[in-house]
């Protein structure tokens, strides 16, 4: 099997993507869990409308149909 050397998005350590398969693209379970924790604590976010703005827009469009 070929090696694909990549950098861990958390610690930047180089590792073989295929050898660390359960945690890819991370080099280890530790880096995987650190990233998961960052998402859970909302340190990482995807930009977009807040949920309340989307719900309001849906309610307004539903009322305008009747």
N, C-alpha and C. Protein backbone atom coordinates (compact mmCIF):
# COMPACT_ATOMS: atom_id res chain seq x y z
N UNK A 1 0.84 -1.17 0.00
CA UNK A 1 0.00 0.00 0.00
C UNK A 1 0.89 1.25 0.00
N UNK A 2 0.45 2.25 -0.74
CA UNK A 2 1.20 3.49 -0.79
C UNK A 2 1.06 4.25 0.52
N UNK A 3 2.04 5.09 0.78
CA UNK A 3 1.97 5.96 1.94
C UNK A 3 1.51 7.34 1.48
N UNK A 4 0.67 7.93 2.27
CA UNK A 4 0.22 9.29 2.03
C UNK A 4 0.54 10.07 3.30
N UNK A 5 1.60 10.86 3.24
CA UNK A 5 2.04 11.62 4.40
C UNK A 5 1.28 12.94 4.43
N UNK A 6 0.58 13.19 5.53
CA UNK A 6 -0.19 14.43 5.71
C UNK A 6 0.13 15.03 7.07
N UNK A 7 -0.22 16.28 7.25
CA UNK A 7 -0.04 16.95 8.53
C UNK A 7 -1.34 16.87 9.32
N UNK A 8 -1.23 16.58 10.59
CA UNK A 8 -2.39 16.55 11.47
C UNK A 8 -2.95 17.97 11.57
N UNK A 9 -4.26 18.16 11.38
CA UNK A 9 -4.82 19.50 11.46
C UNK A 9 -4.75 20.12 12.86
N UNK A 10 -4.52 19.30 13.86
CA UNK A 10 -4.46 19.81 15.23
C UNK A 10 -3.04 20.15 15.65
N UNK A 11 -2.12 19.21 15.53
CA UNK A 11 -0.76 19.42 16.05
C UNK A 11 0.30 19.59 14.96
N UNK A 12 -0.09 19.42 13.71
CA UNK A 12 0.79 19.57 12.53
C UNK A 12 1.84 18.47 12.41
N UNK A 13 1.75 17.44 13.22
CA UNK A 13 2.68 16.30 13.12
C UNK A 13 2.41 15.56 11.81
N UNK A 14 3.49 15.18 11.13
CA UNK A 14 3.32 14.41 9.90
C UNK A 14 3.05 12.95 10.25
N UNK A 15 2.11 12.35 9.51
CA UNK A 15 1.78 10.95 9.75
C UNK A 15 1.25 10.34 8.47
N UNK A 16 1.25 9.02 8.42
CA UNK A 16 0.72 8.29 7.28
C UNK A 16 -0.80 8.24 7.42
N UNK A 17 -1.48 8.82 6.48
CA UNK A 17 -2.94 8.91 6.50
C UNK A 17 -3.57 7.53 6.65
N UNK A 18 -3.03 6.53 5.99
CA UNK A 18 -3.62 5.20 6.01
C UNK A 18 -3.31 4.43 7.30
N UNK A 19 -2.18 4.71 7.93
CA UNK A 19 -1.82 4.02 9.17
C UNK A 19 -2.65 4.52 10.36
N UNK A 20 -3.06 5.76 10.32
CA UNK A 20 -3.86 6.32 11.43
C UNK A 20 -5.33 6.38 11.04
N UNK A 21 -5.75 5.42 10.25
CA UNK A 21 -7.09 5.41 9.66
C UNK A 21 -8.24 5.66 10.64
N UNK A 22 -8.28 5.05 11.81
CA UNK A 22 -9.43 5.33 12.68
C UNK A 22 -9.54 6.81 13.06
N UNK A 23 -8.43 7.54 13.02
CA UNK A 23 -8.43 8.94 13.47
C UNK A 23 -8.19 9.91 12.32
N UNK A 24 -8.02 9.42 11.12
CA UNK A 24 -7.71 10.30 9.99
C UNK A 24 -8.77 11.38 9.85
N UNK A 25 -8.39 12.60 9.59
CA UNK A 25 -7.06 13.08 9.20
C UNK A 25 -6.15 13.41 10.37
N UNK A 26 -6.57 13.06 11.59
CA UNK A 26 -5.76 13.35 12.77
C UNK A 26 -4.74 12.24 12.98
N UNK A 27 -3.66 12.57 13.68
CA UNK A 27 -2.59 11.58 13.89
C UNK A 27 -2.90 10.62 15.02
N UNK A 28 -3.82 10.98 15.91
CA UNK A 28 -4.09 10.14 17.08
C UNK A 28 -5.50 10.40 17.62
N UNK A 29 -5.90 9.54 18.53
CA UNK A 29 -7.19 9.72 19.19
C UNK A 29 -7.20 11.02 19.98
N UNK A 30 -6.08 11.35 20.59
CA UNK A 30 -5.97 12.58 21.38
C UNK A 30 -6.29 13.81 20.53
N UNK A 31 -5.66 13.92 19.36
CA UNK A 31 -5.91 15.07 18.48
C UNK A 31 -7.35 15.07 17.98
N UNK A 32 -7.87 13.90 17.71
CA UNK A 32 -9.26 13.78 17.27
C UNK A 32 -10.21 14.32 18.35
N UNK A 33 -9.97 13.93 19.61
CA UNK A 33 -10.83 14.36 20.71
C UNK A 33 -10.68 15.84 21.02
N UNK A 34 -9.47 16.38 20.85
CA UNK A 34 -9.28 17.82 21.04
C UNK A 34 -10.12 18.59 20.03
N UNK A 35 -10.11 18.15 18.78
CA UNK A 35 -10.90 18.81 17.74
C UNK A 35 -12.40 18.67 18.02
N UNK A 36 -12.83 17.48 18.42
CA UNK A 36 -14.24 17.25 18.75
C UNK A 36 -14.68 18.17 19.89
N UNK A 37 -13.83 18.32 20.88
CA UNK A 37 -14.13 19.21 22.01
C UNK A 37 -14.26 20.66 21.57
N UNK A 38 -13.43 21.07 20.61
CA UNK A 38 -13.50 22.45 20.11
C UNK A 38 -14.83 22.70 19.41
N UNK A 39 -15.31 21.71 18.66
CA UNK A 39 -16.63 21.85 18.02
C UNK A 39 -17.73 21.87 19.08
N UNK A 40 -17.63 21.00 20.07
CA UNK A 40 -18.67 20.91 21.11
C UNK A 40 -18.76 22.19 21.94
N UNK A 41 -17.62 22.84 22.17
CA UNK A 41 -17.63 24.07 22.96
C UNK A 41 -17.80 25.31 22.07
N UNK A 42 -18.08 25.09 20.80
CA UNK A 42 -18.33 26.13 19.81
C UNK A 42 -17.13 27.04 19.56
N UNK A 43 -15.91 26.52 19.77
CA UNK A 43 -14.71 27.26 19.36
C UNK A 43 -14.63 27.26 17.83
N UNK A 44 -15.07 26.17 17.21
CA UNK A 44 -15.16 26.08 15.75
C UNK A 44 -16.62 26.31 15.38
N UNK A 45 -16.85 27.12 14.36
CA UNK A 45 -18.21 27.39 13.92
C UNK A 45 -18.24 27.49 12.41
N UNK A 46 -19.37 27.17 11.84
CA UNK A 46 -19.59 27.37 10.42
C UNK A 46 -20.45 28.62 10.29
N UNK A 47 -19.97 29.57 9.52
CA UNK A 47 -20.68 30.84 9.39
C UNK A 47 -22.01 30.63 8.67
N UNK A 48 -22.99 31.38 9.08
CA UNK A 48 -24.30 31.31 8.47
C UNK A 48 -25.32 31.98 9.36
N UNK A 49 -26.56 31.89 8.96
CA UNK A 49 -27.63 32.48 9.77
C UNK A 49 -27.81 31.68 11.04
N UNK A 50 -28.21 32.37 12.09
CA UNK A 50 -28.51 31.66 13.32
C UNK A 50 -29.80 30.87 13.14
N UNK A 51 -29.99 29.88 13.94
CA UNK A 51 -31.16 29.02 13.81
C UNK A 51 -32.44 29.84 14.00
N UNK A 52 -32.44 30.78 14.94
CA UNK A 52 -33.64 31.57 15.17
C UNK A 52 -34.00 32.40 13.94
N UNK A 53 -33.02 32.94 13.20
CA UNK A 53 -33.33 33.72 11.98
C UNK A 53 -33.92 32.82 10.90
N UNK A 54 -33.43 31.60 10.81
CA UNK A 54 -33.95 30.66 9.81
C UNK A 54 -35.38 30.29 10.16
N UNK A 55 -35.64 30.02 11.44
CA UNK A 55 -37.00 29.67 11.88
C UNK A 55 -37.97 30.83 11.63
N UNK A 56 -37.54 32.06 11.90
CA UNK A 56 -38.40 33.22 11.66
C UNK A 56 -38.72 33.36 10.18
N UNK A 57 -37.72 33.15 9.35
CA UNK A 57 -37.93 33.26 7.90
C UNK A 57 -38.91 32.19 7.43
N UNK A 58 -38.80 30.98 7.97
CA UNK A 58 -39.73 29.91 7.59
C UNK A 58 -41.15 30.24 8.04
N UNK A 59 -41.29 30.77 9.26
CA UNK A 59 -42.62 31.13 9.76
C UNK A 59 -43.24 32.23 8.90
N UNK A 60 -42.45 33.22 8.53
CA UNK A 60 -42.96 34.32 7.71
C UNK A 60 -43.38 33.82 6.34
N UNK A 61 -42.62 32.89 5.76
CA UNK A 61 -42.99 32.39 4.45
C UNK A 61 -44.24 31.50 4.51
N UNK A 62 -44.44 30.79 5.62
CA UNK A 62 -45.63 29.97 5.79
C UNK A 62 -46.87 30.84 5.91
N UNK A 63 -46.76 31.96 6.63
CA UNK A 63 -47.90 32.86 6.81
C UNK A 63 -48.24 33.59 5.53
N UNK A 64 -47.27 33.84 4.69
CA UNK A 64 -47.54 34.58 3.46
C UNK A 64 -48.24 33.70 2.42
N UNK A 65 -48.25 32.37 2.61
CA UNK A 65 -48.91 31.48 1.67
C UNK A 65 -50.42 31.48 1.85
N UNK A 66 -50.91 31.87 3.02
CA UNK A 66 -52.34 31.81 3.30
C UNK A 66 -53.02 33.12 3.15
